[in-house]
């Protein structure tokens, strides 16, 4: 599944969760932002501030399968790896040594 398809799948799953969940709208907004960045329609400057992977993993720990959690975390990681500067990656602890 490509990144856009992953984002759209994750958004559909989160939209199906109860609307009373306090973190739901924040994660949906972050996924929407990720989609426009992945499509090249918006600057990736806010990617460093994403926390949707952490939120979903924390909030859904032990809830059904880990598929949603791992997909959202992968989306965040993949976009940050491909769009952020090395300095930003170091700040996030996601830099790679070659």
PDB file of N, CA and C in Angstrom:
ATOM      1  N   UNK A   1       0.855  -1.179   0.000  1.00  0.00           N
ATOM      2  CA  UNK A   1       0.000   0.000   0.000  1.00  0.00           C
ATOM      3  C   UNK A   1       0.901   1.242   0.000  1.00  0.00           C
ATOM      4  N   UNK A   2       0.596   2.181  -0.874  1.00  0.00           N
ATOM      5  CA  UNK A   2       1.395   3.400  -0.908  1.00  0.00           C
ATOM      6  C   UNK A   2       0.982   4.337   0.234  1.00  0.00           C
ATOM      7  N   UNK A   3       1.737   5.401   0.414  1.00  0.00           N
ATOM      8  CA  UNK A   3       1.530   6.300   1.557  1.00  0.00           C
ATOM      9  C   UNK A   3       0.151   6.958   1.525  1.00  0.00           C
ATOM     10  N   UNK A   4      -0.306   7.379   0.352  1.00  0.00           N
ATOM     11  CA  UNK A   4      -1.625   8.026   0.252  1.00  0.00           C
ATOM     12  C   UNK A   4      -2.721   7.036   0.630  1.00  0.00           C
ATOM     13  N   UNK A   5      -2.629   5.822   0.111  1.00  0.00           N
ATOM     14  CA  UNK A   5      -3.624   4.789   0.438  1.00  0.00           C
ATOM     15  C   UNK A   5      -3.592   4.470   1.934  1.00  0.00           C
ATOM     16  N   UNK A   6      -2.413   4.439   2.519  1.00  0.00           N
ATOM     17  CA  UNK A   6      -2.289   4.174   3.964  1.00  0.00           C
ATOM     18  C   UNK A   6      -2.946   5.282   4.775  1.00  0.00           C
ATOM     19  N   UNK A   7      -2.723   6.521   4.369  1.00  0.00           N
ATOM     20  CA  UNK A   7      -3.309   7.668   5.070  1.00  0.00           C
ATOM     21  C   UNK A   7      -4.834   7.602   4.983  1.00  0.00           C
ATOM     22  N   UNK A   8      -5.342   7.343   3.796  1.00  0.00           N
ATOM     23  CA  UNK A   8      -6.793   7.287   3.608  1.00  0.00           C
ATOM     24  C   UNK A   8      -7.413   6.128   4.384  1.00  0.00           C
ATOM     25  N   UNK A   9      -6.730   4.988   4.412  1.00  0.00           N
ATOM     26  CA  UNK A   9      -7.234   3.842   5.185  1.00  0.00           C
ATOM     27  C   UNK A   9      -7.277   4.181   6.677  1.00  0.00           C
ATOM     28  N   UNK A  10      -6.181   4.740   7.199  1.00  0.00           N
ATOM     29  CA  UNK A  10      -6.116   5.083   8.620  1.00  0.00           C
ATOM     30  C   UNK A  10      -7.194   6.105   8.983  1.00  0.00           C
ATOM     31  N   UNK A  11      -7.404   7.096   8.122  1.00  0.00           N
ATOM     32  CA  UNK A  11      -8.434   8.106   8.387  1.00  0.00           C
ATOM     33  C   UNK A  11      -9.817   7.477   8.442  1.00  0.00           C
ATOM     34  N   UNK A  12     -10.107   6.543   7.542  1.00  0.00           N
ATOM     35  CA  UNK A  12     -11.419   5.866   7.562  1.00  0.00           C
ATOM     36  C   UNK A  12     -11.622   5.081   8.848  1.00  0.00           C
ATOM     37  N   UNK A  13     -10.583   4.395   9.275  1.00  0.00           N
ATOM     38  CA  UNK A  13     -10.688   3.615  10.516  1.00  0.00           C
ATOM     39  C   UNK A  13     -10.914   4.542  11.700  1.00  0.00           C
ATOM     40  N   UNK A  14     -10.174   5.630  11.777  1.00  0.00           N
ATOM     41  CA  UNK A  14     -10.313   6.568  12.894  1.00  0.00           C
ATOM     42  C   UNK A  14     -11.674   7.257  12.851  1.00  0.00           C
ATOM     43  N   UNK A  15     -12.152   7.591  11.650  1.00  0.00           N
ATOM     44  CA  UNK A  15     -13.487   8.192  11.531  1.00  0.00           C
ATOM     45  C   UNK A  15     -14.577   7.250  12.031  1.00  0.00           C
ATOM     46  N   UNK A  16     -14.337   5.948  11.965  1.00  0.00           N
ATOM     47  CA  UNK A  16     -15.334   4.978  12.430  1.00  0.00           C
ATOM     48  C   UNK A  16     -15.341   4.820  13.952  1.00  0.00           C
ATOM     49  N   UNK A  17     -14.337   5.378  14.624  1.00  0.00           N
ATOM     50  CA  UNK A  17     -14.281   5.316  16.086  1.00  0.00           C
ATOM     51  C   UNK A  17     -15.248   6.349  16.669  1.00  0.00           C
ATOM     52  N   UNK A  18     -15.652   6.176  17.921  1.00  0.00           N
ATOM     53  CA  UNK A  18     -16.603   7.115  18.539  1.00  0.00           C
ATOM     54  C   UNK A  18     -16.108   8.571  18.479  1.00  0.00           C
ATOM     55  N   UNK A  19     -16.998   9.461  18.101  1.00  0.00           N
ATOM     56  CA  UNK A  19     -16.619  10.877  17.949  1.00  0.00           C
ATOM     57  C   UNK A  19     -16.289  11.542  19.281  1.00  0.00           C
ATOM     58  N   UNK A  20     -16.657  10.917  20.394  1.00  0.00           N
ATOM     59  CA  UNK A  20     -16.368  11.496  21.715  1.00  0.00           C
ATOM     60  C   UNK A  20     -14.905  11.353  22.127  1.00  0.00           C
ATOM     61  N   UNK A  21     -14.143  10.556  21.404  1.00  0.00           N
ATOM     62  CA  UNK A  21     -12.738  10.385  21.768  1.00  0.00           C
ATOM     63  C   UNK A  21     -12.015  11.727  21.621  1.00  0.00           C
ATOM     64  N   UNK A  22     -11.387  12.214  22.680  1.00  0.00           N
ATOM     65  CA  UNK A  22     -10.811  13.560  22.657  1.00  0.00           C
ATOM     66  C   UNK A  22      -9.662  13.735  21.663  1.00  0.00           C
ATOM     67  N   UNK A  23      -8.989  12.690  21.284  1.00  0.00           N
ATOM     68  CA  UNK A  23      -7.829  12.756  20.399  1.00  0.00           C
ATOM     69  C   UNK A  23      -8.188  12.528  18.926  1.00  0.00           C
ATOM     70  N   UNK A  24      -9.385  12.091  18.662  1.00  0.00           N
ATOM     71  CA  UNK A  24      -9.802  11.694  17.307  1.00  0.00           C
ATOM     72  C   UNK A  24      -9.618  12.817  16.277  1.00  0.00           C
ATOM     73  N   UNK A  25     -10.120  14.001  16.567  1.00  0.00           N
ATOM     74  CA  UNK A  25     -10.046  15.110  15.612  1.00  0.00           C
ATOM     75  C   UNK A  25      -8.599  15.555  15.369  1.00  0.00           C
ATOM     76  N   UNK A  26      -7.786  15.530  16.402  1.00  0.00           N
ATOM     77  CA  UNK A  26      -6.379  15.904  16.252  1.00  0.00           C
ATOM     78  C   UNK A  26      -5.654  14.948  15.312  1.00  0.00           C
ATOM     79  N   UNK A  27      -5.878  13.658  15.498  1.00  0.00           N
ATOM     80  CA  UNK A  27      -5.217  12.671  14.644  1.00  0.00           C
ATOM     81  C   UNK A  27      -5.736  12.778  13.210  1.00  0.00           C
ATOM     82  N   UNK A  28      -7.026  12.990  13.038  1.00  0.00           N
ATOM     83  CA  UNK A  28      -7.582  13.157  11.690  1.00  0.00           C
ATOM     84  C   UNK A  28      -6.984  14.389  11.003  1.00  0.00           C
ATOM     85  N   UNK A  29      -6.808  15.467  11.740  1.00  0.00           N
ATOM     86  CA  UNK A  29      -6.209  16.683  11.171  1.00  0.00           C
ATOM     87  C   UNK A  29      -4.752  16.427  10.769  1.00  0.00           C
ATOM     88  N   UNK A  30      -4.029  15.696  11.597  1.00  0.00           N
ATOM     89  CA  UNK A  30      -2.640  15.381  11.277  1.00  0.00           C
ATOM     90  C   UNK A  30      -2.550  14.474  10.053  1.00  0.00           C
ATOM     91  N   UNK A  31      -3.459  13.509   9.946  1.00  0.00           N
ATOM     92  CA  UNK A  31      -3.482  12.643   8.767  1.00  0.00           C
ATOM     93  C   UNK A  31      -3.811  13.445   7.507  1.00  0.00           C
ATOM     94  N   UNK A  32      -4.738  14.384   7.625  1.00  0.00           N
ATOM     95  CA  UNK A  32      -5.092  15.236   6.496  1.00  0.00           C
ATOM     96  C   UNK A  32      -3.882  16.055   6.048  1.00  0.00           C
ATOM     97  N   UNK A  33      -3.157  16.608   7.004  1.00  0.00           N
ATOM     98  CA  UNK A  33      -1.947  17.358   6.698  1.00  0.00           C
ATOM     99  C   UNK A  33      -0.916  16.454   6.012  1.00  0.00           C
ATOM    100  N   UNK A  34      -0.752  15.238   6.513  1.00  0.00           N
ATOM    101  CA  UNK A  34       0.195  14.298   5.915  1.00  0.00           C
ATOM    102  C   UNK A  34      -0.171  14.000   4.465  1.00  0.00           C
ATOM    103  N   UNK A  35      -1.457  13.890   4.199  1.00  0.00           N
ATOM    104  CA  UNK A  35      -1.891  13.596   2.831  1.00  0.00           C
ATOM    105  C   UNK A  35      -1.516  14.729   1.873  1.00  0.00           C
ATOM    106  N   UNK A  36      -1.755  15.969   2.272  1.00  0.00           N
ATOM    107  CA  UNK A  36      -1.418  17.074   1.371  1.00  0.00           C
ATOM    108  C   UNK A  36       0.094  17.237   1.209  1.00  0.00           C
ATOM    109  N   UNK A  37       0.849  16.917   2.250  1.00  0.00           N
ATOM    110  CA  UNK A  37       2.314  16.949   2.133  1.00  0.00           C
ATOM    111  C   UNK A  37       2.770  15.842   1.181  1.00  0.00           C
ATOM    112  N   UNK A  38       2.223  14.647   1.341  1.00  0.00           N
ATOM    113  CA  UNK A  38       2.599  13.526   0.486  1.00  0.00           C
ATOM    114  C   UNK A  38       2.256  13.798  -0.982  1.00  0.00           C
ATOM    115  N   UNK A  39       1.198  14.548  -1.206  1.00  0.00           N
ATOM    116  CA  UNK A  39       0.802  14.904  -2.573  1.00  0.00           C
ATOM    117  C   UNK A  39       1.602  16.090  -3.109  1.00  0.00           C
ATOM    118  N   UNK A  40       2.396  16.728  -2.248  1.00  0.00           N
ATOM    119  CA  UNK A  40       3.206  17.863  -2.657  1.00  0.00           C
ATOM    120  C   UNK A  40       2.452  19.174  -2.710  1.00  0.00           C
ATOM    121  N   UNK A  41       1.283  19.216  -2.064  1.00  0.00           N
ATOM    122  CA  UNK A  41       0.442  20.417  -2.105  1.00  0.00           C
ATOM    123  C   UNK A  41       0.717  21.393  -0.970  1.00  0.00           C
ATOM    124  N   UNK A  42       1.490  20.974   0.010  1.00  0.00           N
ATOM    125  CA  UNK A  42       1.765  21.840   1.156  1.00  0.00           C
ATOM    126  C   UNK A  42       3.188  21.599   1.638  1.00  0.00           C
ATOM    127  N   UNK A  43       3.744  22.614   2.282  1.00  0.00           N
ATOM    128  CA  UNK A  43       5.094  22.542   2.821  1.00  0.00           C
ATOM    129  C   UNK A  43       5.167  21.526   3.964  1.00  0.00           C
ATOM    130  N   UNK A  44       6.273  20.795   4.053  1.00  0.00           N
ATOM    131  CA  UNK A  44       6.426  19.810   5.122  1.00  0.00           C
ATOM    132  C   UNK A  44       6.948  20.390   6.436  1.00  0.00           C
ATOM    133  N   UNK A  45       6.948  21.706   6.577  1.00  0.00           N
ATOM    134  CA  UNK A  45       7.583  22.343   7.736  1.00  0.00           C
ATOM    135  C   UNK A  45       6.997  21.917   9.083  1.00  0.00           C
ATOM    136  N   UNK A  46       5.732  21.506   9.136  1.00  0.00           N
ATOM    137  CA  UNK A  46       5.115  21.122  10.414  1.00  0.00           C
ATOM    138  C   UNK A  46       5.250  19.628  10.723  1.00  0.00           C
ATOM    139  N   UNK A  47       5.913  18.872   9.860  1.00  0.00           N
ATOM    140  CA  UNK A  47       6.050  17.433  10.097  1.00  0.00           C
ATOM    141  C   UNK A  47       6.772  17.115  11.403  1.00  0.00           C
ATOM    142  N   UNK A  48       7.661  18.001  11.808  1.00  0.00           N
ATOM    143  CA  UNK A  48       8.423  17.757  13.035  1.00  0.00           C
ATOM    144  C   UNK A  48       7.523  17.742  14.276  1.00  0.00           C
ATOM    145  N   UNK A  49       6.394  18.410  14.204  1.00  0.00           N
ATOM    146  CA  UNK A  49       5.520  18.513  15.375  1.00  0.00           C
ATOM    147  C   UNK A  49       4.455  17.410  15.451  1.00  0.00           C
ATOM    148  N   UNK A  50       4.448  16.487  14.491  1.00  0.00           N
ATOM    149  CA  UNK A  50       3.439  15.425  14.516  1.00  0.00           C
ATOM    150  C   UNK A  50       3.589  14.556  15.765  1.00  0.00           C
ATOM    151  N   UNK A  51       2.457  14.187  16.338  1.00  0.00           N
ATOM    152  CA  UNK A  51       2.477  13.266  17.477  1.00  0.00           C
ATOM    153  C   UNK A  51       1.394  12.197  17.343  1.00  0.00           C
ATOM    154  N   UNK A  52       0.832  12.050  16.143  1.00  0.00           N
ATOM    155  CA  UNK A  52      -0.284  11.129  15.937  1.00  0.00           C
ATOM    156  C   UNK A  52       0.105   9.676  16.181  1.00  0.00           C
ATOM    157  N   UNK A  53       1.320   9.291  15.831  1.00  0.00           N
ATOM    158  CA  UNK A  53       1.756   7.910  16.066  1.00  0.00           C
ATOM    159  C   UNK A  53       1.776   7.579  17.545  1.00  0.00           C
ATOM    160  N   UNK A  54       2.295   8.503  18.324  1.00  0.00           N
ATOM    161  CA  UNK A  54       2.363   8.311  19.773  1.00  0.00           C
ATOM    162  C   UNK A  54       0.961   8.288  20.380  1.00  0.00           C
ATOM    163  N   UNK A  55       0.102   9.206  19.943  1.00  0.00           N
ATOM    164  CA  UNK A  55      -1.264   9.289  20.473  1.00  0.00           C
ATOM    165  C   UNK A  55      -2.029   8.005  20.199  1.00  0.00           C
ATOM    166  N   UNK A  56      -2.031   7.572  18.951  1.00  0.00           N
ATOM    167  CA  UNK A  56      -2.796   6.377  18.586  1.00  0.00           C
ATOM    168  C   UNK A  56      -2.253   5.148  19.303  1.00  0.00           C
ATOM    169  N   UNK A  57      -0.936   5.025  19.375  1.00  0.00           N
ATOM    170  CA  UNK A  57      -0.354   3.880  20.073  1.00  0.00           C
ATOM    171  C   UNK A  57      -0.732   3.872  21.548  1.00  0.00           C
ATOM    172  N   UNK A  58      -0.688   5.040  22.185  1.00  0.00           N
ATOM    173  CA  UNK A  58      -1.034   5.132  23.606  1.00  0.00           C
ATOM    174  C   UNK A  58      -2.518   4.876  23.840  1.00  0.00           C
ATOM    175  N   UNK A  59      -3.358   5.509  23.045  1.00  0.00           N
ATOM    176  CA  UNK A  59      -4.790   5.434  23.270  1.00  0.00           C
ATOM    177  C   UNK A  59      -5.404   4.098  22.882  1.00  0.00           C
ATOM    178  N   UNK A  60      -4.820   3.419  21.924  1.00  0.00           N
ATOM    179  CA  UNK A  60      -5.404   2.158  21.460  1.00  0.00           C
ATOM    180  C   UNK A  60      -4.601   0.945  21.903  1.00  0.00           C
ATOM    181  N   UNK A  61      -3.714   1.125  22.855  1.00  0.00           N
ATOM    182  CA  UNK A  61      -2.926   0.012  23.357  1.00  0.00           C
ATOM    183  C   UNK A  61      -3.856  -1.084  23.858  1.00  0.00           C
ATOM    184  N   UNK A  62      -3.718  -2.269  23.311  1.00  0.00           N
ATOM    185  CA  UNK A  62      -4.543  -3.395  23.713  1.00  0.00           C
ATOM    186  C   UNK A  62      -5.906  -3.435  23.050  1.00  0.00           C
ATOM    187  N   UNK A  63      -6.189  -2.507  22.155  1.00  0.00           N
ATOM    188  CA  UNK A  63      -7.477  -2.434  21.475  1.00  0.00           C
ATOM    189  C   UNK A  63      -7.365  -3.121  20.129  1.00  0.00           C
ATOM    190  N   UNK A  64      -8.063  -4.201  19.950  1.00  0.00           N
ATOM    191  CA  UNK A  64      -8.060  -4.978  18.714  1.00  0.00           C
ATOM    192  C   UNK A  64      -6.626  -5.279  18.278  1.00  0.00           C
ATOM    193  N   UNK A  65      -6.361  -5.136  16.983  1.00  0.00           N
ATOM    194  CA  UNK A  65      -5.016  -5.456  16.494  1.00  0.00           C
ATOM    195  C   UNK A  65      -4.140  -4.205  16.495  1.00  0.00           C
ATOM    196  N   UNK A  66      -2.889  -4.400  16.227  1.00  0.00           N
ATOM    197  CA  UNK A  66      -1.937  -3.276  16.185  1.00  0.00           C
ATOM    198  C   UNK A  66      -1.870  -2.640  14.803  1.00  0.00           C
ATOM    199  N   UNK A  67      -2.713  -3.069  13.876  1.00  0.00           N
ATOM    200  CA  UNK A  67      -2.617  -2.602  12.500  1.00  0.00           C
ATOM    201  C   UNK A  67      -2.764  -1.086  12.398  1.00  0.00           C
ATOM    202  N   UNK A  68      -3.760  -0.511  13.041  1.00  0.00           N
ATOM    203  CA  UNK A  68      -3.948   0.937  12.973  1.00  0.00           C
ATOM    204  C   UNK A  68      -2.761   1.663  13.596  1.00  0.00           C
ATOM    205  N   UNK A  69      -2.352   1.216  14.765  1.00  0.00           N
ATOM    206  CA  UNK A  69      -1.230   1.861  15.438  1.00  0.00           C
ATOM    207  C   UNK A  69       0.036   1.818  14.578  1.00  0.00           C
ATOM    208  N   UNK A  70       0.346   0.656  14.021  1.00  0.00           N
ATOM    209  CA  UNK A  70       1.576   0.550  13.230  1.00  0.00           C
ATOM    210  C   UNK A  70       1.469   1.335  11.925  1.00  0.00           C
ATOM    211  N   UNK A  71       0.279   1.386  11.332  1.00  0.00           N
ATOM    212  CA  UNK A  71       0.105   2.156  10.090  1.00  0.00           C
ATOM    213  C   UNK A  71       0.294   3.645  10.338  1.00  0.00           C
ATOM    214  N   UNK A  72      -0.338   4.170  11.387  1.00  0.00           N
ATOM    215  CA  UNK A  72      -0.209   5.605  11.686  1.00  0.00           C
ATOM    216  C   UNK A  72       1.235   5.947  12.036  1.00  0.00           C
ATOM    217  N   UNK A  73       1.875   5.118  12.822  1.00  0.00           N
ATOM    218  CA  UNK A  73       3.282   5.366  13.167  1.00  0.00           C
ATOM    219  C   UNK A  73       4.171   5.305  11.928  1.00  0.00           C
ATOM    220  N   UNK A  74       3.891   4.378  11.027  1.00  0.00           N
ATOM    221  CA  UNK A  74       4.671   4.256   9.793  1.00  0.00           C
ATOM    222  C   UNK A  74       4.487   5.466   8.883  1.00  0.00           C
ATOM    223  N   UNK A  75       3.266   5.968   8.798  1.00  0.00           N
ATOM    224  CA  UNK A  75       2.995   7.168   7.997  1.00  0.00           C
ATOM    225  C   UNK A  75       3.826   8.330   8.525  1.00  0.00           C
ATOM    226  N   UNK A  76       3.758   8.544   9.823  1.00  0.00           N
ATOM    227  CA  UNK A  76       4.501   9.644  10.438  1.00  0.00           C
ATOM    228  C   UNK A  76       5.994   9.470  10.193  1.00  0.00           C
ATOM    229  N   UNK A  77       6.524   8.295  10.451  1.00  0.00           N
ATOM    230  CA  UNK A  77       7.956   8.032  10.298  1.00  0.00           C
ATOM    231  C   UNK A  77       8.397   8.222   8.842  1.00  0.00           C
ATOM    232  N   UNK A  78       7.635   7.654   7.910  1.00  0.00           N
ATOM    233  CA  UNK A  78       8.014   7.727   6.499  1.00  0.00           C
ATOM    234  C   UNK A  78       8.061   9.170   6.000  1.00  0.00           C
ATOM    235  N   UNK A  79       7.054   9.961   6.344  1.00  0.00           N
ATOM    236  CA  UNK A  79       7.046  11.357   5.904  1.00  0.00           C
ATOM    237  C   UNK A  79       8.153  12.164   6.573  1.00  0.00           C
ATOM    238  N   UNK A  80       8.384  11.917   7.853  1.00  0.00           N
ATOM    239  CA  UNK A  80       9.462  12.634   8.528  1.00  0.00           C
ATOM    240  C   UNK A  80      10.822  12.244   7.941  1.00  0.00           C
ATOM    241  N   UNK A  81      11.014  10.969   7.651  1.00  0.00           N
ATOM    242  CA  UNK A  81      12.285  10.525   7.065  1.00  0.00           C
ATOM    243  C   UNK A  81      12.522  11.142   5.699  1.00  0.00           C
ATOM    244  N   UNK A  82      11.481  11.259   4.903  1.00  0.00           N
ATOM    245  CA  UNK A  82      11.664  11.723   3.530  1.00  0.00           C
ATOM    246  C   UNK A  82      11.657  13.248   3.377  1.00  0.00           C
ATOM    247  N   UNK A  83      11.131  13.987   4.352  1.00  0.00           N
ATOM    248  CA  UNK A  83      10.981  15.431   4.174  1.00  0.00           C
ATOM    249  C   UNK A  83      11.748  16.310   5.168  1.00  0.00           C
ATOM    250  N   UNK A  84      12.139  15.777   6.298  1.00  0.00           N
ATOM    251  CA  UNK A  84      12.786  16.625   7.302  1.00  0.00           C
ATOM    252  C   UNK A  84      14.292  16.699   7.101  1.00  0.00           C
ATOM    253  N   UNK A  85      14.854  17.780   7.569  1.00  0.00           N
ATOM    254  CA  UNK A  85      16.307  17.947   7.518  1.00  0.00           C
ATOM    255  C   UNK A  85      16.966  16.981   8.506  1.00  0.00           C
ATOM    256  N   UNK A  86      18.266  16.783   8.322  1.00  0.00           N
ATOM    257  CA  UNK A  86      18.990  15.898   9.224  1.00  0.00           C
ATOM    258  C   UNK A  86      18.921  16.404  10.666  1.00  0.00           C
ATOM    259  N   UNK A  87      19.028  17.712  10.853  1.00  0.00           N
ATOM    260  CA  UNK A  87      18.971  18.285  12.202  1.00  0.00           C
ATOM    261  C   UNK A  87      17.629  17.993  12.866  1.00  0.00           C
ATOM    262  N   UNK A  88      16.549  18.099  12.113  1.00  0.00           N
ATOM    263  CA  UNK A  88      15.226  17.804  12.663  1.00  0.00           C
ATOM    264  C   UNK A  88      15.122  16.325  13.009  1.00  0.00           C
ATOM    265  N   UNK A  89      15.692  15.468  12.166  1.00  0.00           N
ATOM    266  CA  UNK A  89      15.668  14.024  12.444  1.00  0.00           C
ATOM    267  C   UNK A  89      16.451  13.703  13.723  1.00  0.00           C
ATOM    268  N   UNK A  90      17.551  14.388  13.923  1.00  0.00           N
ATOM    269  CA  UNK A  90      18.340  14.183  15.144  1.00  0.00           C
ATOM    270  C   UNK A  90      17.513  14.613  16.354  1.00  0.00           C
ATOM    271  N   UNK A  91      16.841  15.750  16.273  1.00  0.00           N
ATOM    272  CA  UNK A  91      15.997  16.207  17.386  1.00  0.00           C
ATOM    273  C   UNK A  91      14.911  15.185  17.720  1.00  0.00           C
ATOM    274  N   UNK A  92      14.367  14.532  16.697  1.00  0.00           N
ATOM    275  CA  UNK A  92      13.312  13.538  16.898  1.00  0.00           C
ATOM    276  C   UNK A  92      13.864  12.158  17.226  1.00  0.00           C
ATOM    277  N   UNK A  93      15.164  11.982  17.068  1.00  0.00           N
ATOM    278  CA  UNK A  93      15.775  10.685  17.330  1.00  0.00           C
ATOM    279  C   UNK A  93      15.476   9.658  16.246  1.00  0.00           C
ATOM    280  N   UNK A  94      15.265  10.125  15.021  1.00  0.00           N
ATOM    281  CA  UNK A  94      14.941   9.196  13.928  1.00  0.00           C
ATOM    282  C   UNK A  94      16.004   9.242  12.821  1.00  0.00           C
ATOM    283  N   UNK A  95      17.171   9.787  13.117  1.00  0.00           N
ATOM    284  CA  UNK A  95      18.232   9.853  12.115  1.00  0.00           C
ATOM    285  C   UNK A  95      18.879   8.477  11.964  1.00  0.00           C
ATOM    286  N   UNK A  96      19.432   8.266  10.791  1.00  0.00           N
ATOM    287  CA  UNK A  96      20.107   7.006  10.512  1.00  0.00           C
ATOM    288  C   UNK A  96      21.575   7.272  10.238  1.00  0.00           C
ATOM    289  N   UNK A  97      22.400   6.387  10.695  1.00  0.00           N
ATOM    290  CA  UNK A  97      23.821   6.476  10.377  1.00  0.00           C
ATOM    291  C   UNK A  97      24.080   5.599   9.170  1.00  0.00           C
ATOM    292  N   UNK A  98      24.875   6.099   8.265  1.00  0.00           N
ATOM    293  CA  UNK A  98      25.198   5.339   7.059  1.00  0.00           C
ATOM    294  C   UNK A  98      26.580   4.745   7.187  1.00  0.00           C
TER     295      UNK A  98
END
